[in-house]
Amino acid sequence: MNQKAAYNPSFGTSMNVGAFVPCGAGAAGALSRGPSAGSAAACTLAAGAIFAATQNLPFTTSLCWAITTATTVGYGDVTPHNASGRVVASLTMLTTIPMLASVSRW
């Protein structure tokens, strides 16, 4: 017989606590939501400015690069051409992608 697998809505989500960050100020054990959309936007703007400086590109081009990198679209029309640009690209991906993922979770 050719049967479909049963749908299990809890599969893969039982330990999904990555979007919670322990609060530094407040009651012990208190949890707050992860980063806001504002902090993701601030990181994207900063990444665009730093990328513009390290790659000698206009800010508007670098901002477009930062947005497409942060949202994982990645057209490939603008790429880093030296080590400092690759470091900026790596840090942009490692910070903004998880931030946007945790914001979109809520």
N, C-alpha and C. Protein backbone atom coordinates (compact mmCIF):
# COMPACT_ATOMS: atom_id res chain seq x y z
N MET A 1 0.82 -1.19 0.00
CA MET A 1 0.00 0.00 0.00
C MET A 1 0.87 1.26 0.00
N ASN A 2 0.38 2.26 -0.67
CA ASN A 2 1.08 3.53 -0.73
C ASN A 2 0.32 4.54 0.12
N GLN A 3 0.77 4.74 1.36
CA GLN A 3 0.08 5.64 2.27
C GLN A 3 0.96 6.84 2.59
N LYS A 4 0.33 7.97 2.84
CA LYS A 4 1.05 9.16 3.24
C LYS A 4 1.40 9.07 4.72
N ALA A 5 2.48 9.72 5.10
CA ALA A 5 2.85 9.77 6.51
C ALA A 5 1.83 10.61 7.26
N ALA A 6 1.58 10.24 8.51
CA ALA A 6 0.62 10.98 9.33
C ALA A 6 1.18 12.36 9.65
N TYR A 7 0.33 13.36 9.67
CA TYR A 7 0.73 14.72 9.98
C TYR A 7 0.89 14.86 11.49
N ASN A 8 2.02 15.36 11.91
CA ASN A 8 2.28 15.56 13.32
C ASN A 8 2.66 17.03 13.52
N PRO A 9 1.76 17.87 14.02
CA PRO A 9 2.04 19.30 14.12
C PRO A 9 3.14 19.63 15.12
N SER A 10 3.46 18.74 16.04
CA SER A 10 4.50 19.05 17.01
C SER A 10 5.88 18.59 16.57
N PHE A 11 5.96 17.94 15.43
CA PHE A 11 7.26 17.44 14.97
C PHE A 11 8.22 18.58 14.73
N GLY A 12 9.36 18.52 15.38
CA GLY A 12 10.40 19.52 15.17
C GLY A 12 10.20 20.82 15.92
N THR A 13 9.15 20.95 16.71
CA THR A 13 8.94 22.21 17.41
C THR A 13 8.93 22.05 18.92
N SER A 14 9.19 20.88 19.44
CA SER A 14 9.08 20.66 20.88
C SER A 14 10.13 21.43 21.67
N MET A 15 11.29 21.70 21.11
CA MET A 15 12.35 22.40 21.83
C MET A 15 12.67 23.75 21.20
N ASN A 16 11.72 24.39 20.58
CA ASN A 16 11.97 25.64 19.88
C ASN A 16 11.92 26.81 20.86
N VAL A 17 13.02 27.03 21.56
CA VAL A 17 13.10 28.12 22.52
C VAL A 17 14.14 29.16 22.10
N GLY A 18 14.64 29.07 20.89
CA GLY A 18 15.70 29.95 20.43
C GLY A 18 15.31 31.41 20.35
N ALA A 19 14.03 31.74 20.27
CA ALA A 19 13.62 33.14 20.14
C ALA A 19 13.55 33.84 21.49
N PHE A 20 13.69 33.11 22.58
CA PHE A 20 13.65 33.72 23.90
C PHE A 20 15.06 34.01 24.38
N VAL A 21 15.22 35.19 24.95
CA VAL A 21 16.52 35.60 25.47
C VAL A 21 16.33 35.92 26.94
N PRO A 22 17.15 35.37 27.84
CA PRO A 22 16.98 35.68 29.26
C PRO A 22 17.14 37.17 29.52
N CYS A 23 16.28 37.70 30.37
CA CYS A 23 16.35 39.12 30.72
C CYS A 23 17.46 39.35 31.72
N GLY A 24 18.19 40.42 31.54
CA GLY A 24 19.22 40.77 32.50
C GLY A 24 18.63 41.46 33.71
N ALA A 25 17.64 42.31 33.52
CA ALA A 25 17.00 43.01 34.62
C ALA A 25 15.59 42.47 34.76
N GLY A 26 15.22 42.13 35.94
CA GLY A 26 13.88 41.60 36.16
C GLY A 26 13.94 40.37 37.03
N ALA A 27 12.81 39.74 37.18
CA ALA A 27 12.72 38.58 38.05
C ALA A 27 13.57 37.44 37.52
N ALA A 28 14.03 36.62 38.42
CA ALA A 28 14.83 35.46 38.01
C ALA A 28 13.98 34.54 37.16
N GLY A 29 14.55 34.10 36.06
CA GLY A 29 13.84 33.20 35.17
C GLY A 29 12.91 33.90 34.20
N ALA A 30 12.84 35.22 34.25
CA ALA A 30 11.97 35.93 33.33
C ALA A 30 12.52 35.84 31.92
N LEU A 31 11.65 35.75 30.95
CA LEU A 31 12.06 35.66 29.55
C LEU A 31 11.47 36.83 28.78
N SER A 32 12.20 37.30 27.80
CA SER A 32 11.67 38.33 26.92
C SER A 32 11.78 37.84 25.50
N ARG A 33 11.03 38.43 24.64
CA ARG A 33 11.14 38.08 23.23
C ARG A 33 12.49 38.49 22.73
N GLY A 34 12.89 37.89 21.63
CA GLY A 34 14.20 38.14 21.04
C GLY A 34 14.30 39.55 20.49
N PRO A 35 15.22 39.76 19.58
CA PRO A 35 15.46 41.09 19.04
C PRO A 35 14.25 41.62 18.26
N SER A 36 14.13 42.94 18.24
CA SER A 36 13.02 43.55 17.55
C SER A 36 13.34 43.77 16.08
N ALA A 37 12.33 44.13 15.34
CA ALA A 37 12.53 44.45 13.93
C ALA A 37 13.42 45.69 13.80
N GLY A 38 13.35 46.57 14.78
CA GLY A 38 14.19 47.77 14.77
C GLY A 38 15.67 47.45 14.87
N SER A 39 16.01 46.47 15.71
CA SER A 39 17.42 46.11 15.83
C SER A 39 17.91 45.41 14.57
N ALA A 40 17.06 44.64 13.91
CA ALA A 40 17.43 44.01 12.64
C ALA A 40 17.64 45.09 11.58
N ALA A 41 16.77 46.10 11.57
CA ALA A 41 16.93 47.20 10.61
C ALA A 41 18.19 48.00 10.89
N ALA A 42 18.49 48.21 12.17
CA ALA A 42 19.70 48.95 12.53
C ALA A 42 20.96 48.19 12.09
N CYS A 43 20.96 46.88 12.29
CA CYS A 43 22.11 46.07 11.85
C CYS A 43 22.25 46.11 10.33
N THR A 44 21.13 46.09 9.63
CA THR A 44 21.16 46.14 8.17
C THR A 44 21.70 47.48 7.68
N LEU A 45 21.27 48.57 8.31
CA LEU A 45 21.78 49.90 7.94
C LEU A 45 23.28 50.01 8.23
N ALA A 46 23.70 49.51 9.40
CA ALA A 46 25.12 49.56 9.75
C ALA A 46 25.94 48.71 8.78
N ALA A 47 25.43 47.54 8.43
CA ALA A 47 26.14 46.68 7.48
C ALA A 47 26.27 47.35 6.13
N GLY A 48 25.22 48.04 5.69
CA GLY A 48 25.29 48.77 4.42
C GLY A 48 26.33 49.86 4.44
N ALA A 49 26.40 50.59 5.56
CA ALA A 49 27.38 51.67 5.67
C ALA A 49 28.81 51.13 5.71
N ILE A 50 29.03 50.06 6.46
CA ILE A 50 30.37 49.49 6.55
C ILE A 50 30.77 48.85 5.22
N PHE A 51 29.83 48.19 4.57
CA PHE A 51 30.12 47.57 3.27
C PHE A 51 30.46 48.65 2.24
N ALA A 52 29.75 49.77 2.28
CA ALA A 52 30.05 50.87 1.35
C ALA A 52 31.46 51.38 1.57
N ALA A 53 31.87 51.50 2.83
CA ALA A 53 33.20 52.02 3.14
C ALA A 53 34.30 51.04 2.73
N THR A 54 34.07 49.74 2.94
CA THR A 54 35.13 48.77 2.65
C THR A 54 35.21 48.41 1.17
N GLN A 55 34.13 48.60 0.42
CA GLN A 55 34.12 48.20 -0.98
C GLN A 55 34.12 49.38 -1.95
N ASN A 56 34.19 50.61 -1.42
CA ASN A 56 34.18 51.83 -2.24
C ASN A 56 32.96 51.88 -3.16
N LEU A 57 31.80 51.65 -2.56
CA LEU A 57 30.53 51.68 -3.30
C LEU A 57 29.64 52.78 -2.74
N PRO A 58 28.67 53.26 -3.53
CA PRO A 58 27.70 54.22 -2.99
C PRO A 58 26.87 53.56 -1.88
N PHE A 59 26.43 54.37 -0.92
CA PHE A 59 25.65 53.83 0.20
C PHE A 59 24.37 53.16 -0.29
N THR A 60 23.73 53.73 -1.30
CA THR A 60 22.47 53.13 -1.78
C THR A 60 22.69 51.73 -2.34
N THR A 61 23.78 51.53 -3.06
CA THR A 61 24.10 50.20 -3.59
C THR A 61 24.39 49.23 -2.46
N SER A 62 25.16 49.70 -1.47
CA SER A 62 25.50 48.85 -0.33
C SER A 62 24.29 48.54 0.53
N LEU A 63 23.39 49.50 0.67
CA LEU A 63 22.16 49.25 1.43
C LEU A 63 21.31 48.20 0.72
N CYS A 64 21.21 48.28 -0.59
CA CYS A 64 20.49 47.26 -1.35
C CYS A 64 21.15 45.90 -1.15
N TRP A 65 22.48 45.86 -1.16
CA TRP A 65 23.20 44.61 -0.90
C TRP A 65 22.88 44.07 0.48
N ALA A 66 22.89 44.96 1.50
CA ALA A 66 22.64 44.53 2.88
C ALA A 66 21.23 43.98 3.04
N ILE A 67 20.26 44.60 2.40
CA ILE A 67 18.87 44.12 2.50
C ILE A 67 18.72 42.77 1.82
N THR A 68 19.29 42.61 0.64
CA THR A 68 19.16 41.32 -0.04
C THR A 68 19.95 40.23 0.68
N THR A 69 21.03 40.60 1.35
CA THR A 69 21.79 39.62 2.13
C THR A 69 21.03 39.25 3.40
N ALA A 70 20.48 40.24 4.10
CA ALA A 70 19.76 39.98 5.35
C ALA A 70 18.50 39.15 5.11
N THR A 71 17.87 39.33 3.98
CA THR A 71 16.63 38.60 3.71
C THR A 71 16.89 37.31 2.93
N THR A 72 18.13 36.96 2.74
CA THR A 72 18.60 35.75 2.06
C THR A 72 18.18 35.67 0.60
N VAL A 73 17.89 36.79 -0.03
CA VAL A 73 17.56 36.81 -1.45
C VAL A 73 18.84 36.66 -2.26
N GLY A 74 19.82 37.51 -2.01
CA GLY A 74 21.13 37.41 -2.62
C GLY A 74 21.14 37.33 -4.14
N TYR A 75 20.90 38.44 -4.81
CA TYR A 75 20.89 38.46 -6.28
C TYR A 75 22.24 38.13 -6.87
N GLY A 76 23.33 38.51 -6.21
CA GLY A 76 24.67 38.25 -6.73
C GLY A 76 25.22 39.36 -7.59
N ASP A 77 24.49 40.46 -7.73
CA ASP A 77 24.98 41.57 -8.55
C ASP A 77 26.05 42.38 -7.82
N VAL A 78 26.02 42.39 -6.50
CA VAL A 78 27.04 43.07 -5.69
C VAL A 78 27.66 42.01 -4.78
N THR A 79 28.97 41.87 -4.85
CA THR A 79 29.66 40.88 -4.03
C THR A 79 30.90 41.51 -3.41
N PRO A 80 31.34 41.00 -2.26
CA PRO A 80 32.57 41.52 -1.65
C PRO A 80 33.78 41.13 -2.48
N HIS A 81 34.74 42.07 -2.58
CA HIS A 81 35.91 41.84 -3.42
C HIS A 81 37.21 41.75 -2.63
N ASN A 82 37.13 41.84 -1.31
CA ASN A 82 38.33 41.71 -0.49
C ASN A 82 37.96 41.08 0.85
N ALA A 83 38.97 40.84 1.67
CA ALA A 83 38.76 40.14 2.94
C ALA A 83 37.84 40.92 3.88
N SER A 84 38.01 42.24 3.93
CA SER A 84 37.17 43.02 4.83
C SER A 84 35.71 42.97 4.39
N GLY A 85 35.46 42.96 3.11
CA GLY A 85 34.09 42.85 2.61
C GLY A 85 33.49 41.49 2.93
N ARG A 86 34.29 40.45 2.87
CA ARG A 86 33.79 39.10 3.21
C ARG A 86 33.50 38.99 4.70
N VAL A 87 34.30 39.66 5.53
CA VAL A 87 34.03 39.66 6.97
C VAL A 87 32.72 40.39 7.25
N VAL A 88 32.52 41.54 6.61
CA VAL A 88 31.26 42.28 6.78
C VAL A 88 30.09 41.43 6.30
N ALA A 89 30.24 40.76 5.18
CA ALA A 89 29.16 39.91 4.67
C ALA A 89 28.85 38.77 5.64
N SER A 90 29.87 38.14 6.17
CA SER A 90 29.66 37.05 7.11
C SER A 90 28.96 37.53 8.37
N LEU A 91 29.41 38.65 8.92
CA LEU A 91 28.78 39.18 10.12
C LEU A 91 27.34 39.62 9.86
N THR A 92 27.10 40.16 8.68
CA THR A 92 25.73 40.55 8.32
C THR A 92 24.82 39.34 8.30
N MET A 93 25.27 38.28 7.69
CA MET A 93 24.46 37.07 7.62
C MET A 93 24.26 36.45 9.00
N LEU A 94 25.32 36.41 9.79
CA LEU A 94 25.24 35.76 11.10
C LEU A 94 24.43 36.55 12.12
N THR A 95 24.20 37.84 11.88
CA THR A 95 23.41 38.63 12.83
C THR A 95 21.99 38.89 12.33
N THR A 96 21.85 39.36 11.10
CA THR A 96 20.52 39.79 10.66
C THR A 96 19.59 38.64 10.31
N ILE A 97 20.10 37.55 9.76
CA ILE A 97 19.21 36.44 9.39
C ILE A 97 18.54 35.85 10.63
N PRO A 98 19.29 35.54 11.71
CA PRO A 98 18.60 35.04 12.91
C PRO A 98 17.67 36.07 13.53
N MET A 99 18.05 37.36 13.47
CA MET A 99 17.16 38.40 14.02
C MET A 99 15.84 38.44 13.27
N LEU A 100 15.91 38.46 11.95
CA LEU A 100 14.68 38.49 11.16
C LEU A 100 13.87 37.21 11.33
N ALA A 101 14.54 36.09 11.50
CA ALA A 101 13.82 34.83 11.72
C ALA A 101 13.08 34.86 13.05
N SER A 102 13.69 35.41 14.09
CA SER A 102 13.02 35.44 15.38
C SER A 102 11.90 36.47 15.41
N VAL A 103 12.05 37.55 14.67
CA VAL A 103 10.98 38.56 14.59
C VAL A 103 9.78 37.98 13.84
N SER A 104 10.04 37.29 12.74
CA SER A 104 8.93 36.77 11.94
C SER A 104 8.24 35.61 12.64
N ARG A 105 8.86 35.02 13.64
CA ARG A 105 8.25 33.93 14.39
C ARG A 105 7.03 34.42 15.17
N TRP A 106 7.05 35.68 15.58
CA TRP A 106 5.96 36.20 16.40
C TRP A 106 4.93 36.81 15.51
